[in-house]
mmCIF file of all heavy atoms, coordinates in Angstrom:
data_MODEL
# 
_entry.id   MODEL 
# 
loop_
_atom_site.group_PDB 
_atom_site.id 
_atom_site.type_symbol 
_atom_site.label_atom_id 
_atom_site.label_alt_id 
_atom_site.label_comp_id 
_atom_site.label_asym_id 
_atom_site.label_entity_id 
_atom_site.label_seq_id 
_atom_site.pdbx_PDB_ins_code 
_atom_site.Cartn_x 
_atom_site.Cartn_y 
_atom_site.Cartn_z 
_atom_site.occupancy 
_atom_site.B_iso_or_equiv 
_atom_site.pdbx_formal_charge 
_atom_site.auth_seq_id 
_atom_site.auth_comp_id 
_atom_site.auth_asym_id 
_atom_site.auth_atom_id 
_atom_site.pdbx_PDB_model_num 
ATOM 1   N N   . GLY A 1 1  ? 156.355 -130.007 32.683 1.00 0.00 ? 1  GLY A N   1 
ATOM 2   C CA  . GLY A 1 1  ? 157.609 -130.587 32.244 1.00 0.00 ? 1  GLY A CA  1 
ATOM 3   C C   . GLY A 1 1  ? 158.589 -129.616 31.617 1.00 0.00 ? 1  GLY A C   1 
ATOM 4   O O   . GLY A 1 1  ? 159.718 -129.999 31.289 1.00 0.00 ? 1  GLY A O   1 
ATOM 5   N N   . GLN A 1 2  ? 158.217 -128.353 31.447 1.00 0.00 ? 2  GLN A N   1 
ATOM 6   C CA  . GLN A 1 2  ? 159.122 -127.365 30.883 1.00 0.00 ? 2  GLN A CA  1 
ATOM 7   C C   . GLN A 1 2  ? 160.127 -126.903 31.946 1.00 0.00 ? 2  GLN A C   1 
ATOM 8   O O   . GLN A 1 2  ? 159.895 -127.060 33.149 1.00 0.00 ? 2  GLN A O   1 
ATOM 9   C CB  . GLN A 1 2  ? 158.341 -126.162 30.359 1.00 0.00 ? 2  GLN A CB  1 
ATOM 10  C CG  . GLN A 1 2  ? 157.338 -126.489 29.271 1.00 0.00 ? 2  GLN A CG  1 
ATOM 11  C CD  . GLN A 1 2  ? 157.998 -126.968 27.993 1.00 0.00 ? 2  GLN A CD  1 
ATOM 12  O OE1 . GLN A 1 2  ? 159.049 -126.473 27.594 1.00 0.00 ? 2  GLN A OE1 1 
ATOM 13  N NE2 . GLN A 1 2  ? 157.379 -127.948 27.347 1.00 0.00 ? 2  GLN A NE2 1 
ATOM 14  N N   . THR A 1 3  ? 161.219 -126.312 31.484 1.00 0.00 ? 3  THR A N   1 
ATOM 15  C CA  . THR A 1 3  ? 162.208 -125.757 32.423 1.00 0.00 ? 3  THR A CA  1 
ATOM 16  C C   . THR A 1 3  ? 162.309 -124.240 32.337 1.00 0.00 ? 3  THR A C   1 
ATOM 17  O O   . THR A 1 3  ? 162.936 -123.620 33.189 1.00 0.00 ? 3  THR A O   1 
ATOM 18  C CB  . THR A 1 3  ? 163.601 -126.359 32.170 1.00 0.00 ? 3  THR A CB  1 
ATOM 19  O OG1 . THR A 1 3  ? 164.040 -126.005 30.847 1.00 0.00 ? 3  THR A OG1 1 
ATOM 20  C CG2 . THR A 1 3  ? 163.578 -127.875 32.322 1.00 0.00 ? 3  THR A CG2 1 
ATOM 21  N N   . ARG A 1 4  ? 161.690 -123.656 31.316 1.00 0.00 ? 4  ARG A N   1 
ATOM 22  C CA  . ARG A 1 4  ? 161.719 -122.206 31.137 1.00 0.00 ? 4  ARG A CA  1 
ATOM 23  C C   . ARG A 1 4  ? 160.305 -121.738 30.812 1.00 0.00 ? 4  ARG A C   1 
ATOM 24  O O   . ARG A 1 4  ? 159.748 -122.077 29.777 1.00 0.00 ? 4  ARG A O   1 
ATOM 25  C CB  . ARG A 1 4  ? 162.674 -121.796 30.002 1.00 0.00 ? 4  ARG A CB  1 
ATOM 26  C CG  . ARG A 1 4  ? 164.147 -122.174 30.221 1.00 0.00 ? 4  ARG A CG  1 
ATOM 27  C CD  . ARG A 1 4  ? 164.746 -121.326 31.326 1.00 0.00 ? 4  ARG A CD  1 
ATOM 28  N NE  . ARG A 1 4  ? 166.176 -121.533 31.519 1.00 0.00 ? 4  ARG A NE  1 
ATOM 29  C CZ  . ARG A 1 4  ? 166.699 -122.436 32.328 1.00 0.00 ? 4  ARG A CZ  1 
ATOM 30  N NH1 . ARG A 1 4  ? 165.898 -123.267 33.007 1.00 0.00 ? 4  ARG A NH1 1 
ATOM 31  N NH2 . ARG A 1 4  ? 168.007 -122.532 32.493 1.00 0.00 ? 4  ARG A NH2 1 
ATOM 32  N N   . VAL A 1 5  ? 159.719 -120.954 31.729 1.00 0.00 ? 5  VAL A N   1 
ATOM 33  C CA  . VAL A 1 5  ? 158.348 -120.493 31.559 1.00 0.00 ? 5  VAL A CA  1 
ATOM 34  C C   . VAL A 1 5  ? 158.314 -118.976 31.705 1.00 0.00 ? 5  VAL A C   1 
ATOM 35  O O   . VAL A 1 5  ? 158.861 -118.420 32.662 1.00 0.00 ? 5  VAL A O   1 
ATOM 36  C CB  . VAL A 1 5  ? 157.394 -121.144 32.585 1.00 0.00 ? 5  VAL A CB  1 
ATOM 37  C CG1 . VAL A 1 5  ? 155.989 -120.567 32.445 1.00 0.00 ? 5  VAL A CG1 1 
ATOM 38  C CG2 . VAL A 1 5  ? 157.367 -122.646 32.402 1.00 0.00 ? 5  VAL A CG2 1 
ATOM 39  N N   . ALA A 1 6  ? 157.655 -118.320 30.748 1.00 0.00 ? 6  ALA A N   1 
ATOM 40  C CA  . ALA A 1 6  ? 157.462 -116.872 30.795 1.00 0.00 ? 6  ALA A CA  1 
ATOM 41  C C   . ALA A 1 6  ? 156.055 -116.570 31.277 1.00 0.00 ? 6  ALA A C   1 
ATOM 42  O O   . ALA A 1 6  ? 155.075 -116.948 30.629 1.00 0.00 ? 6  ALA A O   1 
ATOM 43  C CB  . ALA A 1 6  ? 157.689 -116.271 29.410 1.00 0.00 ? 6  ALA A CB  1 
ATOM 44  N N   . ASN A 1 7  ? 155.948 -115.923 32.410 1.00 0.00 ? 7  ASN A N   1 
ATOM 45  C CA  . ASN A 1 7  ? 154.648 -115.564 32.971 1.00 0.00 ? 7  ASN A CA  1 
ATOM 46  C C   . ASN A 1 7  ? 153.969 -114.492 32.112 1.00 0.00 ? 7  ASN A C   1 
ATOM 47  O O   . ASN A 1 7  ? 154.633 -113.559 31.656 1.00 0.00 ? 7  ASN A O   1 
ATOM 48  C CB  . ASN A 1 7  ? 154.853 -114.998 34.383 1.00 0.00 ? 7  ASN A CB  1 
ATOM 49  C CG  . ASN A 1 7  ? 153.969 -115.639 35.409 1.00 0.00 ? 7  ASN A CG  1 
ATOM 50  O OD1 . ASN A 1 7  ? 153.858 -116.853 35.456 1.00 0.00 ? 7  ASN A OD1 1 
ATOM 51  N ND2 . ASN A 1 7  ? 153.351 -114.829 36.245 1.00 0.00 ? 7  ASN A ND2 1 
ATOM 52  N N   . PRO A 1 8  ? 152.674 -114.598 31.879 1.00 0.00 ? 8  PRO A N   1 
ATOM 53  C CA  . PRO A 1 8  ? 151.975 -113.503 31.198 1.00 0.00 ? 8  PRO A CA  1 
ATOM 54  C C   . PRO A 1 8  ? 152.002 -112.233 32.041 1.00 0.00 ? 8  PRO A C   1 
ATOM 55  O O   . PRO A 1 8  ? 152.146 -112.275 33.264 1.00 0.00 ? 8  PRO A O   1 
ATOM 56  C CB  . PRO A 1 8  ? 150.541 -114.034 31.056 1.00 0.00 ? 8  PRO A CB  1 
ATOM 57  C CG  . PRO A 1 8  ? 150.659 -115.515 31.174 1.00 0.00 ? 8  PRO A CG  1 
ATOM 58  C CD  . PRO A 1 8  ? 151.782 -115.747 32.129 1.00 0.00 ? 8  PRO A CD  1 
ATOM 59  N N   . GLY A 1 9  ? 151.814 -111.102 31.383 1.00 0.00 ? 9  GLY A N   1 
ATOM 60  C CA  . GLY A 1 9  ? 151.646 -109.855 32.104 1.00 0.00 ? 9  GLY A CA  1 
ATOM 61  C C   . GLY A 1 9  ? 150.294 -109.804 32.790 1.00 0.00 ? 9  GLY A C   1 
ATOM 62  O O   . GLY A 1 9  ? 149.414 -110.641 32.558 1.00 0.00 ? 9  GLY A O   1 
ATOM 63  N N   . CYS A 1 10 ? 150.098 -108.795 33.632 1.00 0.00 ? 10 CYS A N   1 
ATOM 64  C CA  . CYS A 1 10 ? 148.851 -108.722 34.412 1.00 0.00 ? 10 CYS A CA  1 
ATOM 65  C C   . CYS A 1 10 ? 147.643 -108.423 33.530 1.00 0.00 ? 10 CYS A C   1 
ATOM 66  O O   . CYS A 1 10 ? 146.578 -109.031 33.695 1.00 0.00 ? 10 CYS A O   1 
ATOM 67  C CB  . CYS A 1 10 ? 148.985 -107.697 35.533 1.00 0.00 ? 10 CYS A CB  1 
ATOM 68  S SG  . CYS A 1 10 ? 149.452 -106.035 34.993 1.00 0.00 ? 10 CYS A SG  1 
ATOM 69  N N   . PHE A 1 11 ? 147.780 -107.491 32.574 1.00 0.00 ? 11 PHE A N   1 
ATOM 70  C CA  . PHE A 1 11 ? 146.658 -107.212 31.672 1.00 0.00 ? 11 PHE A CA  1 
ATOM 71  C C   . PHE A 1 11 ? 146.326 -108.419 30.797 1.00 0.00 ? 11 PHE A C   1 
ATOM 72  O O   . PHE A 1 11 ? 145.143 -108.765 30.644 1.00 0.00 ? 11 PHE A O   1 
ATOM 73  C CB  . PHE A 1 11 ? 146.961 -105.989 30.808 1.00 0.00 ? 11 PHE A CB  1 
ATOM 74  C CG  . PHE A 1 11 ? 146.931 -104.685 31.553 1.00 0.00 ? 11 PHE A CG  1 
ATOM 75  C CD1 . PHE A 1 11 ? 148.068 -103.900 31.648 1.00 0.00 ? 11 PHE A CD1 1 
ATOM 76  C CD2 . PHE A 1 11 ? 145.765 -104.229 32.147 1.00 0.00 ? 11 PHE A CD2 1 
ATOM 77  C CE1 . PHE A 1 11 ? 148.044 -102.692 32.319 1.00 0.00 ? 11 PHE A CE1 1 
ATOM 78  C CE2 . PHE A 1 11 ? 145.724 -103.020 32.830 1.00 0.00 ? 11 PHE A CE2 1 
ATOM 79  C CZ  . PHE A 1 11 ? 146.876 -102.244 32.913 1.00 0.00 ? 11 PHE A CZ  1 
ATOM 80  N N   . PRO A 1 12 ? 147.309 -109.090 30.207 1.00 0.00 ? 12 PRO A N   1 
ATOM 81  C CA  . PRO A 1 12 ? 146.992 -110.301 29.457 1.00 0.00 ? 12 PRO A CA  1 
ATOM 82  C C   . PRO A 1 12 ? 146.351 -111.388 30.300 1.00 0.00 ? 12 PRO A C   1 
ATOM 83  O O   . PRO A 1 12 ? 145.485 -112.128 29.813 1.00 0.00 ? 12 PRO A O   1 
ATOM 84  C CB  . PRO A 1 12 ? 148.362 -110.746 28.919 1.00 0.00 ? 12 PRO A CB  1 
ATOM 85  C CG  . PRO A 1 12 ? 149.126 -109.485 28.789 1.00 0.00 ? 12 PRO A CG  1 
ATOM 86  C CD  . PRO A 1 12 ? 148.711 -108.662 29.973 1.00 0.00 ? 12 PRO A CD  1 
ATOM 87  N N   . ALA A 1 13 ? 146.743 -111.510 31.573 1.00 0.00 ? 13 ALA A N   1 
ATOM 88  C CA  . ALA A 1 13 ? 146.133 -112.536 32.428 1.00 0.00 ? 13 ALA A CA  1 
ATOM 89  C C   . ALA A 1 13 ? 144.633 -112.319 32.555 1.00 0.00 ? 13 ALA A C   1 
ATOM 90  O O   . ALA A 1 13 ? 143.841 -113.263 32.491 1.00 0.00 ? 13 ALA A O   1 
ATOM 91  C CB  . ALA A 1 13 ? 146.798 -112.531 33.806 1.00 0.00 ? 13 ALA A CB  1 
ATOM 92  N N   . ALA A 1 14 ? 144.224 -111.071 32.732 1.00 0.00 ? 14 ALA A N   1 
ATOM 93  C CA  . ALA A 1 14 ? 142.797 -110.767 32.844 1.00 0.00 ? 14 ALA A CA  1 
ATOM 94  C C   . ALA A 1 14 ? 142.100 -110.885 31.499 1.00 0.00 ? 14 ALA A C   1 
ATOM 95  O O   . ALA A 1 14 ? 141.006 -111.455 31.391 1.00 0.00 ? 14 ALA A O   1 
ATOM 96  C CB  . ALA A 1 14 ? 142.601 -109.358 33.413 1.00 0.00 ? 14 ALA A CB  1 
ATOM 97  N N   . THR A 1 15 ? 142.729 -110.366 30.466 1.00 0.00 ? 15 THR A N   1 
ATOM 98  C CA  . THR A 1 15 ? 142.109 -110.295 29.138 1.00 0.00 ? 15 THR A CA  1 
ATOM 99  C C   . THR A 1 15 ? 142.000 -111.661 28.478 1.00 0.00 ? 15 THR A C   1 
ATOM 100 O O   . THR A 1 15 ? 140.930 -112.058 27.977 1.00 0.00 ? 15 THR A O   1 
ATOM 101 C CB  . THR A 1 15 ? 142.925 -109.354 28.243 1.00 0.00 ? 15 THR A CB  1 
ATOM 102 O OG1 . THR A 1 15 ? 142.933 -108.041 28.820 1.00 0.00 ? 15 THR A OG1 1 
ATOM 103 C CG2 . THR A 1 15 ? 142.354 -109.298 26.845 1.00 0.00 ? 15 THR A CG2 1 
ATOM 104 N N   . LEU A 1 16 ? 143.090 -112.401 28.448 1.00 0.00 ? 16 LEU A N   1 
ATOM 105 C CA  . LEU A 1 16 ? 143.132 -113.645 27.673 1.00 0.00 ? 16 LEU A CA  1 
ATOM 106 C C   . LEU A 1 16 ? 142.294 -114.747 28.307 1.00 0.00 ? 16 LEU A C   1 
ATOM 107 O O   . LEU A 1 16 ? 141.709 -115.573 27.596 1.00 0.00 ? 16 LEU A O   1 
ATOM 108 C CB  . LEU A 1 16 ? 144.574 -114.083 27.493 1.00 0.00 ? 16 LEU A CB  1 
ATOM 109 C CG  . LEU A 1 16 ? 145.426 -113.101 26.677 1.00 0.00 ? 16 LEU A CG  1 
ATOM 110 C CD1 . LEU A 1 16 ? 146.891 -113.508 26.712 1.00 0.00 ? 16 LEU A CD1 1 
ATOM 111 C CD2 . LEU A 1 16 ? 144.933 -112.986 25.242 1.00 0.00 ? 16 LEU A CD2 1 
ATOM 112 N N   . ASN A 1 17 ? 142.220 -114.781 29.635 1.00 0.00 ? 17 ASN A N   1 
ATOM 113 C CA  . ASN A 1 17 ? 141.341 -115.772 30.264 1.00 0.00 ? 17 ASN A CA  1 
ATOM 114 C C   . ASN A 1 17 ? 139.879 -115.536 29.877 1.00 0.00 ? 17 ASN A C   1 
ATOM 115 O O   . ASN A 1 17 ? 139.108 -116.486 29.723 1.00 0.00 ? 17 ASN A O   1 
ATOM 116 C CB  . ASN A 1 17 ? 141.495 -115.747 31.784 1.00 0.00 ? 17 ASN A CB  1 
ATOM 117 C CG  . ASN A 1 17 ? 142.659 -116.587 32.264 1.00 0.00 ? 17 ASN A CG  1 
ATOM 118 O OD1 . ASN A 1 17 ? 143.347 -117.227 31.477 1.00 0.00 ? 17 ASN A OD1 1 
ATOM 119 N ND2 . ASN A 1 17 ? 142.887 -116.584 33.563 1.00 0.00 ? 17 ASN A ND2 1 
ATOM 120 N N   . ALA A 1 18 ? 139.501 -114.265 29.728 1.00 0.00 ? 18 ALA A N   1 
ATOM 121 C CA  . ALA A 1 18 ? 138.129 -113.966 29.333 1.00 0.00 ? 18 ALA A CA  1 
ATOM 122 C C   . ALA A 1 18 ? 137.880 -114.274 27.859 1.00 0.00 ? 18 ALA A C   1 
ATOM 123 O O   . ALA A 1 18 ? 136.803 -114.746 27.484 1.00 0.00 ? 18 ALA A O   1 
ATOM 124 C CB  . ALA A 1 18 ? 137.807 -112.499 29.628 1.00 0.00 ? 18 ALA A CB  1 
ATOM 125 N N   . LEU A 1 19 ? 138.866 -114.029 27.015 1.00 0.00 ? 19 LEU A N   1 
ATOM 126 C CA  . LEU A 1 19 ? 138.691 -114.219 25.574 1.00 0.00 ? 19 LEU A CA  1 
ATOM 127 C C   . LEU A 1 19 ? 138.856 -115.665 25.126 1.00 0.00 ? 19 LEU A C   1 
ATOM 128 O O   . LEU A 1 19 ? 138.249 -116.079 24.125 1.00 0.00 ? 19 LEU A O   1 
ATOM 129 C CB  . LEU A 1 19 ? 139.706 -113.356 24.816 1.00 0.00 ? 19 LEU A CB  1 
ATOM 130 C CG  . LEU A 1 19 ? 139.489 -111.848 24.824 1.00 0.00 ? 19 LEU A CG  1 
ATOM 131 C CD1 . LEU A 1 19 ? 140.603 -111.174 24.033 1.00 0.00 ? 19 LEU A CD1 1 
ATOM 132 C CD2 . LEU A 1 19 ? 138.127 -111.478 24.232 1.00 0.00 ? 19 LEU A CD2 1 
ATOM 133 N N   . ALA A 1 20 ? 139.659 -116.444 25.825 1.00 0.00 ? 20 ALA A N   1 
ATOM 134 C CA  . ALA A 1 20 ? 140.042 -117.773 25.343 1.00 0.00 ? 20 ALA A CA  1 
ATOM 135 C C   . ALA A 1 20 ? 138.851 -118.654 24.966 1.00 0.00 ? 20 ALA A C   1 
ATOM 136 O O   . ALA A 1 20 ? 138.847 -119.251 23.880 1.00 0.00 ? 20 ALA A O   1 
ATOM 137 C CB  . ALA A 1 20 ? 140.928 -118.469 26.377 1.00 0.00 ? 20 ALA A CB  1 
ATOM 138 N N   . PRO A 1 21 ? 137.820 -118.799 25.805 1.00 0.00 ? 21 PRO A N   1 
ATOM 139 C CA  . PRO A 1 21 ? 136.699 -119.676 25.427 1.00 0.00 ? 21 PRO A CA  1 
ATOM 140 C C   . PRO A 1 21 ? 135.975 -119.205 24.170 1.00 0.00 ? 21 PRO A C   1 
ATOM 141 O O   . PRO A 1 21 ? 135.541 -120.024 23.354 1.00 0.00 ? 21 PRO A O   1 
ATOM 142 C CB  . PRO A 1 21 ? 135.777 -119.629 26.646 1.00 0.00 ? 21 PRO A CB  1 
ATOM 143 C CG  . PRO A 1 21 ? 136.617 -119.133 27.768 1.00 0.00 ? 21 PRO A CG  1 
ATOM 144 C CD  . PRO A 1 21 ? 137.608 -118.212 27.148 1.00 0.00 ? 21 PRO A CD  1 
ATOM 145 N N   . LEU A 1 22 ? 135.837 -117.896 24.019 1.00 0.00 ? 22 LEU A N   1 
ATOM 146 C CA  . LEU A 1 22 ? 135.123 -117.352 22.875 1.00 0.00 ? 22 LEU A CA  1 
ATOM 147 C C   . LEU A 1 22 ? 135.913 -117.554 21.585 1.00 0.00 ? 22 LEU A C   1 
ATOM 148 O O   . LEU A 1 22 ? 135.347 -117.883 20.533 1.00 0.00 ? 22 LEU A O   1 
ATOM 149 C CB  . LEU A 1 22 ? 134.836 -115.863 23.080 1.00 0.00 ? 22 LEU A CB  1 
ATOM 150 C CG  . LEU A 1 22 ? 134.183 -115.458 24.402 1.00 0.00 ? 22 LEU A CG  1 
ATOM 151 C CD1 . LEU A 1 22 ? 133.839 -113.972 24.389 1.00 0.00 ? 22 LEU A CD1 1 
ATOM 152 C CD2 . LEU A 1 22 ? 132.941 -116.286 24.689 1.00 0.00 ? 22 LEU A CD2 1 
ATOM 153 N N   . LEU A 1 23 ? 137.217 -117.352 21.660 1.00 0.00 ? 23 LEU A N   1 
ATOM 154 C CA  . LEU A 1 23 ? 138.069 -117.553 20.489 1.00 0.00 ? 23 LEU A CA  1 
ATOM 155 C C   . LEU A 1 23 ? 138.144 -119.027 20.113 1.00 0.00 ? 23 LEU A C   1 
ATOM 156 O O   . LEU A 1 23 ? 138.102 -119.392 18.937 1.00 0.00 ? 23 LEU A O   1 
ATOM 157 C CB  . LEU A 1 23 ? 139.467 -117.000 20.768 1.00 0.00 ? 23 LEU A CB  1 
ATOM 158 C CG  . LEU A 1 23 ? 139.561 -115.479 20.914 1.00 0.00 ? 23 LEU A CG  1 
ATOM 159 C CD1 . LEU A 1 23 ? 140.890 -115.094 21.538 1.00 0.00 ? 23 LEU A CD1 1 
ATOM 160 C CD2 . LEU A 1 23 ? 139.383 -114.786 19.560 1.00 0.00 ? 23 LEU A CD2 1 
ATOM 161 N N   . ALA A 1 24 ? 138.257 -119.883 21.129 1.00 0.00 ? 24 ALA A N   1 
ATOM 162 C CA  . ALA A 1 24 ? 138.389 -121.317 20.873 1.00 0.00 ? 24 ALA A CA  1 
ATOM 163 C C   . ALA A 1 24 ? 137.148 -121.891 20.198 1.00 0.00 ? 24 ALA A C   1 
ATOM 164 O O   . ALA A 1 24 ? 137.248 -122.819 19.384 1.00 0.00 ? 24 ALA A O   1 
ATOM 165 C CB  . ALA A 1 24 ? 138.670 -122.061 22.174 1.00 0.00 ? 24 ALA A CB  1 
ATOM 166 N N   . GLU A 1 25 ? 135.963 -121.346 20.508 1.00 0.00 ? 25 GLU A N   1 
ATOM 167 C CA  . GLU A 1 25 ? 134.721 -121.845 19.918 1.00 0.00 ? 25 GLU A CA  1 
ATOM 168 C C   . GLU A 1 25 ? 134.231 -120.992 18.745 1.00 0.00 ? 25 GLU A C   1 
ATOM 169 O O   . GLU A 1 25 ? 133.148 -121.230 18.215 1.00 0.00 ? 25 GLU A O   1 
ATOM 170 C CB  . GLU A 1 25 ? 133.637 -121.955 20.989 1.00 0.00 ? 25 GLU A CB  1 
ATOM 171 C CG  . GLU A 1 25 ? 133.930 -123.021 22.026 1.00 0.00 ? 25 GLU A CG  1 
ATOM 172 C CD  . GLU A 1 25 ? 132.678 -123.521 22.736 1.00 0.00 ? 25 GLU A CD  1 
ATOM 173 O OE1 . GLU A 1 25 ? 131.556 -123.183 22.296 1.00 0.00 ? 25 GLU A OE1 1 
ATOM 174 O OE2 . GLU A 1 25 ? 132.833 -124.261 23.729 1.00 0.00 ? 25 GLU A OE2 1 
ATOM 175 N N   . GLY A 1 26 ? 135.018 -119.997 18.349 1.00 0.00 ? 26 GLY A N   1 
ATOM 176 C CA  . GLY A 1 26 ? 134.649 -119.185 17.207 1.00 0.00 ? 26 GLY A CA  1 
ATOM 177 C C   . GLY A 1 26 ? 133.438 -118.302 17.423 1.00 0.00 ? 26 GLY A C   1 
ATOM 178 O O   . GLY A 1 26 ? 132.728 -117.946 16.472 1.00 0.00 ? 26 GLY A O   1 
ATOM 179 N N   . LEU A 1 27 ? 133.189 -117.897 18.658 1.00 0.00 ? 27 LEU A N   1 
ATOM 180 C CA  . LEU A 1 27 ? 132.028 -117.071 18.960 1.00 0.00 ? 27 LEU A CA  1 
ATOM 181 C C   . LEU A 1 27 ? 132.270 -115.592 18.689 1.00 0.00 ? 27 LEU A C   1 
ATOM 182 O O   . LEU A 1 27 ? 131.315 -114.807 18.628 1.00 0.00 ? 27 LEU A O   1 
ATOM 183 C CB  . LEU A 1 27 ? 131.615 -117.260 20.427 1.00 0.00 ? 27 LEU A CB  1 
ATOM 184 C CG  . LEU A 1 27 ? 131.139 -118.664 20.814 1.00 0.00 ? 27 LEU A CG  1 
ATOM 185 C CD1 . LEU A 1 27 ? 130.765 -118.703 22.291 1.00 0.00 ? 27 LEU A CD1 1 
ATOM 186 C CD2 . LEU A 1 27 ? 129.960 -119.105 19.949 1.00 0.00 ? 27 LEU A CD2 1 
ATOM 187 N N   . ILE A 1 28 ? 133.533 -115.193 18.566 1.00 0.00 ? 28 ILE A N   1 
ATOM 188 C CA  . ILE A 1 28 ? 133.868 -113.805 18.257 1.00 0.00 ? 28 ILE A CA  1 
ATOM 189 C C   . ILE A 1 28 ? 134.897 -113.777 17.136 1.00 0.00 ? 28 ILE A C   1 
ATOM 190 O O   . ILE A 1 28 ? 135.606 -114.754 16.883 1.00 0.00 ? 28 ILE A O   1 
ATOM 191 C CB  . ILE A 1 28 ? 134.421 -113.052 19.486 1.00 0.00 ? 28 ILE A CB  1 
ATOM 192 C CG1 . ILE A 1 28 ? 135.675 -113.752 20.040 1.00 0.00 ? 28 ILE A CG1 1 
ATOM 193 C CG2 . ILE A 1 28 ? 133.355 -112.893 20.566 1.00 0.00 ? 28 ILE A CG2 1 
ATOM 194 C CD1 . ILE A 1 28 ? 136.400 -112.966 21.114 1.00 0.00 ? 28 ILE A CD1 1 
# 
């Protein structure tokens, strides 16, 4: 539903997808 979206950079796309589950559950 947004009209303005900023795409992540290529390094963040690889990095943040890997980190997100661990950060969300407090594992790291």
